[in-house]
Amino acid sequence: MKEITLAIPNYKTITIAHVVLDYNGTLAKDGVLKNEVKALLPKLSESYSVHVITADTFGSVHEQVKEFDVTVKVLESDNHTLEKAQYVRSLDALKCVAIGNGNNDAQMIEEAALGIALLGDEGCSSQTLMKSDLTCKSISDALELFLNTKRLVATLRE
C-alpha cells in the first residue's frame, strides 16, 4: 500500500494512504473535471490511493476520470452524508484525507484523519468548514499540499 507518514509538530502524526475527494463542487464544476485537477491527479496517484465519491448528479464521473488511476464510488443511498462517512471508515479513517465543500461532506471530513474544506466556485457549507482541519481556496491548492507535504506541516503545526 502506498502511504506517507507526517509528524506535524504539536498537532499530530498522520499516516495518509487514501485521499477521498468529493466530485461536484470539489474536483468538477457542473460535472466537468477541472483542468488543474487533470494535471494533479496522476501525480497524486503515485503516492496515494485516490478515491472519488459522488452522487454523479450529471452522470459524467466515469467518463471524466477514466484516464486516471482512481477508484470511483457512486453513492446509492438516500443519505449521502452517512454513506460518505461510512466509505471513509471502510478505508480506515485514520489513514484518510477527505476533501469536500458541501453539507454532505461534513461527516466524512470529520471522520478522516485529516479533513479539508474547499471554498471554491460553489462556496462551502458552514457545517463542513467547522468540521475541517483546514480550508483551501482551490482544489489545486488542496491537492498540492499532498505533493509538497512541508506545506501541510507548515500550516498545521502549532
N, C-alpha and C. Protein backbone atom coordinates (compact mmCIF):
# COMPACT_ATOMS: atom_id res chain seq x y z
N MET A 1 0.84 -1.19 0.00
CA MET A 1 0.00 0.00 0.00
C MET A 1 0.88 1.24 0.00
N LYS A 2 0.50 2.20 -0.79
CA LYS A 2 1.20 3.48 -0.82
C LYS A 2 0.72 4.30 0.37
N GLU A 3 1.65 4.88 1.10
CA GLU A 3 1.27 5.75 2.20
C GLU A 3 2.45 6.61 2.62
N ILE A 4 2.12 7.71 3.24
CA ILE A 4 3.12 8.66 3.72
C ILE A 4 2.78 9.02 5.16
N THR A 5 3.78 9.03 6.03
CA THR A 5 3.57 9.42 7.42
C THR A 5 4.19 10.80 7.64
N LEU A 6 3.39 11.67 8.25
CA LEU A 6 3.83 13.03 8.55
C LEU A 6 3.73 13.27 10.05
N ALA A 7 4.81 13.73 10.63
CA ALA A 7 4.80 14.16 12.02
C ALA A 7 4.64 15.67 12.01
N ILE A 8 3.49 16.13 12.45
CA ILE A 8 3.21 17.56 12.45
C ILE A 8 3.40 18.06 13.87
N PRO A 9 4.44 18.88 14.10
CA PRO A 9 4.80 19.30 15.46
C PRO A 9 3.62 19.89 16.24
N ASN A 10 3.46 19.38 17.45
CA ASN A 10 2.44 19.83 18.40
C ASN A 10 1.01 19.73 17.85
N TYR A 11 0.82 18.92 16.81
CA TYR A 11 -0.52 18.71 16.26
C TYR A 11 -0.84 17.23 16.33
N LYS A 12 -0.31 16.45 15.40
CA LYS A 12 -0.44 15.01 15.44
C LYS A 12 0.41 14.39 14.34
N THR A 13 0.63 13.11 14.46
CA THR A 13 1.29 12.35 13.40
C THR A 13 0.20 11.64 12.63
N ILE A 14 0.22 11.79 11.33
CA ILE A 14 -0.79 11.13 10.50
C ILE A 14 -0.12 10.30 9.42
N THR A 15 -0.74 9.18 9.13
CA THR A 15 -0.32 8.34 8.01
C THR A 15 -1.42 8.44 6.97
N ILE A 16 -1.04 8.86 5.78
CA ILE A 16 -2.02 9.05 4.71
C ILE A 16 -1.82 7.97 3.66
N ALA A 17 -2.86 7.18 3.47
CA ALA A 17 -2.85 6.16 2.42
C ALA A 17 -3.91 6.48 1.37
N HIS A 18 -5.01 7.08 1.80
CA HIS A 18 -6.15 7.32 0.92
C HIS A 18 -6.52 8.81 0.90
N VAL A 19 -6.76 9.31 -0.30
CA VAL A 19 -7.27 10.66 -0.47
C VAL A 19 -8.67 10.51 -1.07
N VAL A 20 -9.67 10.90 -0.30
CA VAL A 20 -11.07 10.77 -0.71
C VAL A 20 -11.57 12.15 -1.12
N LEU A 21 -12.04 12.24 -2.36
CA LEU A 21 -12.40 13.52 -2.94
C LEU A 21 -13.86 13.55 -3.38
N ASP A 22 -14.58 14.52 -2.90
CA ASP A 22 -15.91 14.80 -3.43
C ASP A 22 -15.72 15.19 -4.90
N TYR A 23 -16.74 14.96 -5.72
CA TYR A 23 -16.60 15.25 -7.15
C TYR A 23 -17.14 16.64 -7.50
N ASN A 24 -18.45 16.79 -7.56
CA ASN A 24 -19.03 18.08 -7.98
C ASN A 24 -18.83 19.14 -6.90
N GLY A 25 -18.30 20.26 -7.32
CA GLY A 25 -18.01 21.35 -6.39
C GLY A 25 -16.60 21.28 -5.84
N THR A 26 -15.96 20.11 -5.98
CA THR A 26 -14.60 19.93 -5.48
C THR A 26 -13.64 19.68 -6.64
N LEU A 27 -13.80 18.55 -7.31
CA LEU A 27 -12.96 18.22 -8.46
C LEU A 27 -13.54 18.73 -9.77
N ALA A 28 -14.85 18.89 -9.79
CA ALA A 28 -15.54 19.22 -11.05
C ALA A 28 -16.50 20.39 -10.84
N LYS A 29 -16.80 21.04 -11.95
CA LYS A 29 -17.82 22.08 -11.96
C LYS A 29 -18.85 21.67 -13.02
N ASP A 30 -20.09 21.57 -12.60
CA ASP A 30 -21.17 21.15 -13.49
C ASP A 30 -20.86 19.82 -14.19
N GLY A 31 -20.23 18.90 -13.46
CA GLY A 31 -19.96 17.56 -13.98
C GLY A 31 -18.70 17.44 -14.81
N VAL A 32 -17.98 18.53 -15.03
CA VAL A 32 -16.77 18.51 -15.85
C VAL A 32 -15.54 18.69 -14.96
N LEU A 33 -14.61 17.74 -15.07
CA LEU A 33 -13.38 17.78 -14.29
C LEU A 33 -12.60 19.07 -14.59
N LYS A 34 -12.16 19.73 -13.54
CA LYS A 34 -11.41 20.98 -13.71
C LYS A 34 -10.03 20.69 -14.30
N ASN A 35 -9.55 21.59 -15.14
CA ASN A 35 -8.27 21.39 -15.82
C ASN A 35 -7.11 21.19 -14.86
N GLU A 36 -7.07 21.96 -13.78
CA GLU A 36 -5.96 21.82 -12.84
C GLU A 36 -5.95 20.45 -12.16
N VAL A 37 -7.12 19.85 -12.03
CA VAL A 37 -7.22 18.51 -11.44
C VAL A 37 -6.60 17.48 -12.38
N LYS A 38 -6.83 17.65 -13.67
CA LYS A 38 -6.28 16.71 -14.66
C LYS A 38 -4.76 16.65 -14.59
N ALA A 39 -4.12 17.74 -14.27
CA ALA A 39 -2.66 17.77 -14.16
C ALA A 39 -2.17 17.17 -12.84
N LEU A 40 -2.99 17.27 -11.79
CA LEU A 40 -2.54 16.85 -10.46
C LEU A 40 -2.90 15.41 -10.10
N LEU A 41 -3.99 14.87 -10.62
CA LEU A 41 -4.40 13.51 -10.26
C LEU A 41 -3.33 12.45 -10.53
N PRO A 42 -2.67 12.46 -11.69
CA PRO A 42 -1.64 11.43 -11.91
C PRO A 42 -0.52 11.50 -10.88
N LYS A 43 -0.11 12.69 -10.51
CA LYS A 43 0.95 12.85 -9.51
C LYS A 43 0.48 12.36 -8.14
N LEU A 44 -0.75 12.68 -7.79
CA LEU A 44 -1.31 12.28 -6.50
C LEU A 44 -1.40 10.75 -6.41
N SER A 45 -1.79 10.12 -7.52
CA SER A 45 -1.95 8.66 -7.55
C SER A 45 -0.63 7.91 -7.41
N GLU A 46 0.48 8.58 -7.62
CA GLU A 46 1.78 7.93 -7.44
C GLU A 46 2.07 7.64 -5.97
N SER A 47 1.53 8.46 -5.07
CA SER A 47 1.83 8.33 -3.64
C SER A 47 0.67 7.84 -2.80
N TYR A 48 -0.55 7.98 -3.30
CA TYR A 48 -1.74 7.67 -2.50
C TYR A 48 -2.76 6.89 -3.34
N SER A 49 -3.64 6.22 -2.65
CA SER A 49 -4.81 5.62 -3.29
C SER A 49 -5.87 6.73 -3.34
N VAL A 50 -6.31 7.08 -4.55
CA VAL A 50 -7.21 8.21 -4.73
C VAL A 50 -8.63 7.69 -4.99
N HIS A 51 -9.59 8.27 -4.26
CA HIS A 51 -10.99 7.87 -4.36
C HIS A 51 -11.84 9.09 -4.68
N VAL A 52 -12.75 8.92 -5.64
CA VAL A 52 -13.69 9.97 -6.00
C VAL A 52 -15.07 9.48 -5.58
N ILE A 53 -15.73 10.25 -4.73
CA ILE A 53 -17.03 9.85 -4.20
C ILE A 53 -18.07 10.88 -4.62
N THR A 54 -19.19 10.39 -5.18
CA THR A 54 -20.13 11.31 -5.80
C THR A 54 -21.53 10.71 -5.95
N ALA A 55 -22.50 11.59 -5.99
CA ALA A 55 -23.85 11.18 -6.38
C ALA A 55 -23.94 11.14 -7.90
N ASP A 56 -22.93 11.64 -8.57
CA ASP A 56 -22.85 11.71 -10.04
C ASP A 56 -24.09 12.38 -10.62
N THR A 57 -24.39 13.54 -10.11
CA THR A 57 -25.56 14.33 -10.50
C THR A 57 -25.66 14.51 -12.01
N PHE A 58 -24.53 14.70 -12.67
CA PHE A 58 -24.52 14.96 -14.11
C PHE A 58 -24.27 13.70 -14.94
N GLY A 59 -24.06 12.56 -14.27
CA GLY A 59 -23.83 11.31 -14.98
C GLY A 59 -22.53 11.28 -15.78
N SER A 60 -21.54 12.02 -15.33
CA SER A 60 -20.32 12.19 -16.12
C SER A 60 -19.04 11.68 -15.47
N VAL A 61 -19.10 11.27 -14.21
CA VAL A 61 -17.87 11.00 -13.46
C VAL A 61 -17.01 9.92 -14.12
N HIS A 62 -17.60 8.81 -14.55
CA HIS A 62 -16.79 7.72 -15.12
C HIS A 62 -16.07 8.16 -16.38
N GLU A 63 -16.74 8.89 -17.24
CA GLU A 63 -16.13 9.39 -18.46
C GLU A 63 -15.04 10.41 -18.15
N GLN A 64 -15.28 11.27 -17.18
CA GLN A 64 -14.34 12.34 -16.85
C GLN A 64 -13.05 11.84 -16.20
N VAL A 65 -13.10 10.75 -15.45
CA VAL A 65 -11.91 10.27 -14.74
C VAL A 65 -11.33 8.97 -15.31
N LYS A 66 -11.83 8.53 -16.45
CA LYS A 66 -11.44 7.22 -16.98
C LYS A 66 -9.94 7.07 -17.22
N GLU A 67 -9.24 8.14 -17.50
CA GLU A 67 -7.81 8.04 -17.80
C GLU A 67 -6.93 8.10 -16.55
N PHE A 68 -7.54 8.23 -15.38
CA PHE A 68 -6.78 8.38 -14.15
C PHE A 68 -6.89 7.14 -13.26
N ASP A 69 -5.86 6.91 -12.46
CA ASP A 69 -5.83 5.78 -11.54
C ASP A 69 -6.56 6.16 -10.25
N VAL A 70 -7.89 6.15 -10.33
CA VAL A 70 -8.73 6.49 -9.18
C VAL A 70 -9.83 5.44 -9.04
N THR A 71 -10.31 5.30 -7.83
CA THR A 71 -11.48 4.46 -7.56
C THR A 71 -12.68 5.39 -7.48
N VAL A 72 -13.73 5.05 -8.20
CA VAL A 72 -14.95 5.86 -8.17
C VAL A 72 -16.01 5.15 -7.34
N LYS A 73 -16.58 5.88 -6.41
CA LYS A 73 -17.70 5.38 -5.60
C LYS A 73 -18.90 6.27 -5.89
N VAL A 74 -19.89 5.70 -6.58
CA VAL A 74 -21.14 6.43 -6.83
C VAL A 74 -22.10 6.09 -5.69
N LEU A 75 -22.59 7.12 -5.05
CA LEU A 75 -23.47 6.96 -3.89
C LEU A 75 -24.81 6.35 -4.31
N GLU A 76 -25.33 5.48 -3.44
CA GLU A 76 -26.54 4.75 -3.78
C GLU A 76 -27.68 4.97 -2.80
N SER A 77 -27.37 5.43 -1.61
CA SER A 77 -28.38 5.54 -0.56
C SER A 77 -29.15 6.86 -0.64
N ASP A 78 -30.11 7.00 0.26
CA ASP A 78 -30.83 8.26 0.39
C ASP A 78 -30.12 9.23 1.32
N ASN A 79 -29.10 8.74 2.03
CA ASN A 79 -28.37 9.57 2.98
C ASN A 79 -26.90 9.65 2.55
N HIS A 80 -26.60 10.59 1.69
CA HIS A 80 -25.24 10.71 1.16
C HIS A 80 -24.23 11.11 2.23
N THR A 81 -24.66 11.88 3.20
CA THR A 81 -23.78 12.28 4.30
C THR A 81 -23.26 11.05 5.03
N LEU A 82 -24.15 10.18 5.41
CA LEU A 82 -23.79 8.96 6.13
C LEU A 82 -22.99 8.02 5.23
N GLU A 83 -23.40 7.88 3.99
CA GLU A 83 -22.71 6.96 3.07
C GLU A 83 -21.26 7.40 2.83
N LYS A 84 -21.04 8.69 2.70
CA LYS A 84 -19.68 9.18 2.51
C LYS A 84 -18.83 8.90 3.76
N ALA A 85 -19.38 9.13 4.93
CA ALA A 85 -18.65 8.85 6.17
C ALA A 85 -18.35 7.36 6.31
N GLN A 86 -19.31 6.52 5.96
CA GLN A 86 -19.09 5.08 6.02
C GLN A 86 -18.01 4.63 5.06
N TYR A 87 -17.95 5.25 3.90
CA TYR A 87 -16.92 4.92 2.93
C TYR A 87 -15.54 5.23 3.50
N VAL A 88 -15.38 6.40 4.10
CA VAL A 88 -14.11 6.77 4.70
C VAL A 88 -13.75 5.77 5.80
N ARG A 89 -14.70 5.40 6.63
CA ARG A 89 -14.45 4.41 7.69
C ARG A 89 -14.04 3.07 7.10
N SER A 90 -14.64 2.67 5.98
CA SER A 90 -14.33 1.37 5.37
C SER A 90 -12.89 1.31 4.86
N LEU A 91 -12.30 2.45 4.57
CA LEU A 91 -10.91 2.51 4.10
C LEU A 91 -9.91 2.58 5.25
N ASP A 92 -10.37 2.80 6.45
CA ASP A 92 -9.60 3.07 7.66
C ASP A 92 -9.44 4.58 7.78
N ALA A 93 -10.39 5.19 8.42
CA ALA A 93 -10.47 6.65 8.54
C ALA A 93 -9.17 7.27 9.05
N LEU A 94 -8.44 6.53 9.87
CA LEU A 94 -7.19 7.06 10.42
C LEU A 94 -6.09 7.20 9.38
N LYS A 95 -6.32 6.66 8.19
CA LYS A 95 -5.35 6.78 7.11
C LYS A 95 -5.93 7.54 5.92
N CYS A 96 -6.98 8.30 6.17
CA CYS A 96 -7.66 9.01 5.09
C CYS A 96 -7.56 10.52 5.23
N VAL A 97 -7.48 11.15 4.08
CA VAL A 97 -7.71 12.58 3.94
C VAL A 97 -9.03 12.67 3.19
N ALA A 98 -9.91 13.58 3.60
CA ALA A 98 -11.16 13.80 2.88
C ALA A 98 -11.25 15.27 2.52
N ILE A 99 -11.65 15.53 1.27
CA ILE A 99 -11.76 16.90 0.78
C ILE A 99 -13.13 17.09 0.15
N GLY A 100 -13.83 18.15 0.58
CA GLY A 100 -15.14 18.44 0.03
C GLY A 100 -15.60 19.83 0.40
N ASN A 101 -16.80 20.18 -0.08
CA ASN A 101 -17.31 21.52 0.17
C ASN A 101 -18.77 21.55 0.62
N GLY A 102 -19.52 20.49 0.37
CA GLY A 102 -20.95 20.52 0.63
C GLY A 102 -21.35 20.02 2.00
N ASN A 103 -22.59 20.26 2.36
CA ASN A 103 -23.14 19.75 3.62
C ASN A 103 -22.93 18.25 3.75
N ASN A 104 -23.10 17.53 2.64
CA ASN A 104 -22.98 16.08 2.73
C ASN A 104 -21.53 15.60 2.83
N ASP A 105 -20.58 16.51 2.85
CA ASP A 105 -19.17 16.17 3.05
C ASP A 105 -18.73 16.34 4.50
N ALA A 106 -19.52 16.99 5.31
CA ALA A 106 -19.11 17.34 6.67
C ALA A 106 -18.72 16.13 7.51
N GLN A 107 -19.51 15.09 7.46
CA GLN A 107 -19.24 13.93 8.32
C GLN A 107 -18.01 13.16 7.85
N MET A 108 -17.81 13.05 6.54
CA MET A 108 -16.61 12.33 6.07
C MET A 108 -15.36 13.12 6.42
N ILE A 109 -15.46 14.44 6.36
CA ILE A 109 -14.33 15.30 6.71
C ILE A 109 -14.00 15.17 8.20
N GLU A 110 -15.02 15.06 9.00
CA GLU A 110 -14.82 14.88 10.44
C GLU A 110 -14.25 13.50 10.75
N GLU A 111 -14.67 12.47 10.04
CA GLU A 111 -14.21 11.09 10.26
C GLU A 111 -12.74 10.90 9.88
N ALA A 112 -12.31 11.56 8.82
CA ALA A 112 -10.96 11.35 8.28
C ALA A 112 -9.89 11.85 9.24
N ALA A 113 -8.72 11.28 9.12
CA ALA A 113 -7.58 11.75 9.94
C ALA A 113 -7.29 13.21 9.67
N LEU A 114 -7.55 13.61 8.43
CA LEU A 114 -7.36 15.00 8.05
C LEU A 114 -8.48 15.39 7.10
N GLY A 115 -9.24 16.41 7.47
CA GLY A 115 -10.36 16.87 6.65
C GLY A 115 -10.11 18.26 6.13
N ILE A 116 -10.34 18.44 4.83
CA ILE A 116 -10.11 19.74 4.20
C ILE A 116 -11.41 20.22 3.58
N ALA A 117 -11.81 21.42 3.98
CA ALA A 117 -12.96 22.08 3.38
C ALA A 117 -12.46 22.92 2.22
N LEU A 118 -13.16 22.84 1.12
CA LEU A 118 -12.78 23.59 -0.06
C LEU A 118 -13.75 24.73 -0.29
N LEU A 119 -13.23 25.94 -0.30
CA LEU A 119 -14.04 27.13 -0.54
C LEU A 119 -13.82 27.52 -2.00
N GLY A 120 -14.55 26.84 -2.88
CA GLY A 120 -14.36 27.02 -4.31
C GLY A 120 -15.51 27.74 -4.97
N ASP A 121 -15.72 27.44 -6.25
CA ASP A 121 -16.73 28.10 -7.07
C ASP A 121 -18.14 27.98 -6.49
N GLU A 122 -18.44 26.87 -5.86
CA GLU A 122 -19.78 26.66 -5.30
C GLU A 122 -19.89 27.11 -3.86
N GLY A 123 -18.83 27.66 -3.32
CA GLY A 123 -18.83 28.04 -1.91
C GLY A 123 -18.53 26.83 -1.05
N CYS A 124 -18.80 26.96 0.24
CA CYS A 124 -18.53 25.89 1.18
C CYS A 124 -19.59 25.93 2.28
N SER A 125 -20.14 24.80 2.60
CA SER A 125 -21.09 24.68 3.69
C SER A 125 -20.41 25.08 4.99
N SER A 126 -21.08 25.87 5.80
CA SER A 126 -20.50 26.27 7.08
C SER A 126 -20.29 25.07 7.99
N GLN A 127 -21.15 24.08 7.90
CA GLN A 127 -21.01 22.86 8.70
C GLN A 127 -19.71 22.13 8.32
N THR A 128 -19.45 22.03 7.03
CA THR A 128 -18.23 21.37 6.56
C THR A 128 -17.00 22.17 6.97
N LEU A 129 -17.08 23.46 6.84
CA LEU A 129 -15.99 24.33 7.23
C LEU A 129 -15.63 24.13 8.71
N MET A 130 -16.63 24.08 9.56
CA MET A 130 -16.40 23.96 11.00
C MET A 130 -15.83 22.59 11.40
N LYS A 131 -16.08 21.57 10.61
CA LYS A 131 -15.59 20.23 10.95
C LYS A 131 -14.24 19.91 10.33
N SER A 132 -13.73 20.82 9.51
CA SER A 132 -12.47 20.56 8.82
C SER A 132 -11.26 20.92 9.68
N ASP A 133 -10.12 20.35 9.31
CA ASP A 133 -8.85 20.69 9.95
C ASP A 133 -8.25 21.93 9.32
N LEU A 134 -8.52 22.11 8.03
CA LEU A 134 -8.06 23.31 7.34
C LEU A 134 -8.95 23.57 6.13
N THR A 135 -8.80 24.76 5.57
CA THR A 135 -9.61 25.18 4.43
C THR A 135 -8.68 25.65 3.33
N CYS A 136 -9.03 25.30 2.09
CA CYS A 136 -8.27 25.75 0.93
C CYS A 136 -9.20 26.51 -0.01
N LYS A 137 -8.62 27.42 -0.77
CA LYS A 137 -9.42 28.24 -1.67
C LYS A 137 -9.58 27.63 -3.05
N SER A 138 -8.79 26.59 -3.36
CA SER A 138 -8.93 25.92 -4.65
C SER A 138 -8.53 24.46 -4.50
N ILE A 139 -9.02 23.64 -5.42
CA ILE A 139 -8.66 22.22 -5.38
C ILE A 139 -7.17 22.03 -5.67
N SER A 140 -6.61 22.86 -6.52
CA SER A 140 -5.17 22.70 -6.78
C SER A 140 -4.36 23.01 -5.52
N ASP A 141 -4.75 24.02 -4.77
CA ASP A 141 -4.06 24.31 -3.50
C ASP A 141 -4.16 23.12 -2.55
N ALA A 142 -5.34 22.52 -2.46
CA ALA A 142 -5.54 21.38 -1.56
C ALA A 142 -4.71 20.17 -1.99
N LEU A 143 -4.77 19.81 -3.26
CA LEU A 143 -4.04 18.63 -3.74
C LEU A 143 -2.54 18.83 -3.66
N GLU A 144 -2.08 20.03 -3.92
CA GLU A 144 -0.64 20.29 -3.86
C GLU A 144 -0.08 20.15 -2.45
N LEU A 145 -0.92 20.27 -1.43
CA LEU A 145 -0.46 20.03 -0.06
C LEU A 145 0.09 18.61 0.11
N PHE A 146 -0.47 17.67 -0.65
CA PHE A 146 -0.07 16.27 -0.51
C PHE A 146 1.05 15.88 -1.48
N LEU A 147 1.37 16.79 -2.36
CA LEU A 147 2.52 16.61 -3.25
C LEU A 147 3.74 17.34 -2.70
N ASN A 148 3.48 18.34 -1.85
CA ASN A 148 4.52 19.13 -1.19
C ASN A 148 4.16 19.17 0.30
N THR A 149 4.40 18.07 0.98
CA THR A 149 3.87 17.89 2.34
C THR A 149 4.43 18.87 3.37
N LYS A 150 5.55 19.51 3.08
CA LYS A 150 6.06 20.51 4.03
C LYS A 150 5.09 21.68 4.15
N ARG A 151 4.32 21.94 3.09
CA ARG A 151 3.28 22.99 3.17
C ARG A 151 2.21 22.60 4.19
N LEU A 152 1.85 21.34 4.17
CA LEU A 152 0.84 20.84 5.11
C LEU A 152 1.34 20.95 6.54
N VAL A 153 2.58 20.56 6.76
CA VAL A 153 3.18 20.66 8.09
C VAL A 153 3.24 22.11 8.53
N ALA A 154 3.65 23.00 7.64
CA ALA A 154 3.75 24.42 7.99
C ALA A 154 2.39 25.02 8.36
N THR A 155 1.35 24.57 7.74
CA THR A 155 0.00 25.09 8.02
C THR A 155 -0.56 24.57 9.33
N LEU A 156 -0.31 23.31 9.63
CA LEU A 156 -0.98 22.68 10.78
C LEU A 156 -0.17 22.66 12.08
N ARG A 157 1.12 22.85 12.01
CA ARG A 157 1.91 22.78 13.24
C ARG A 157 1.52 23.91 14.19
N GLU A 158 1.70 23.64 15.45
CA GLU A 158 1.37 24.65 16.46
C GLU A 158 2.64 25.21 17.06
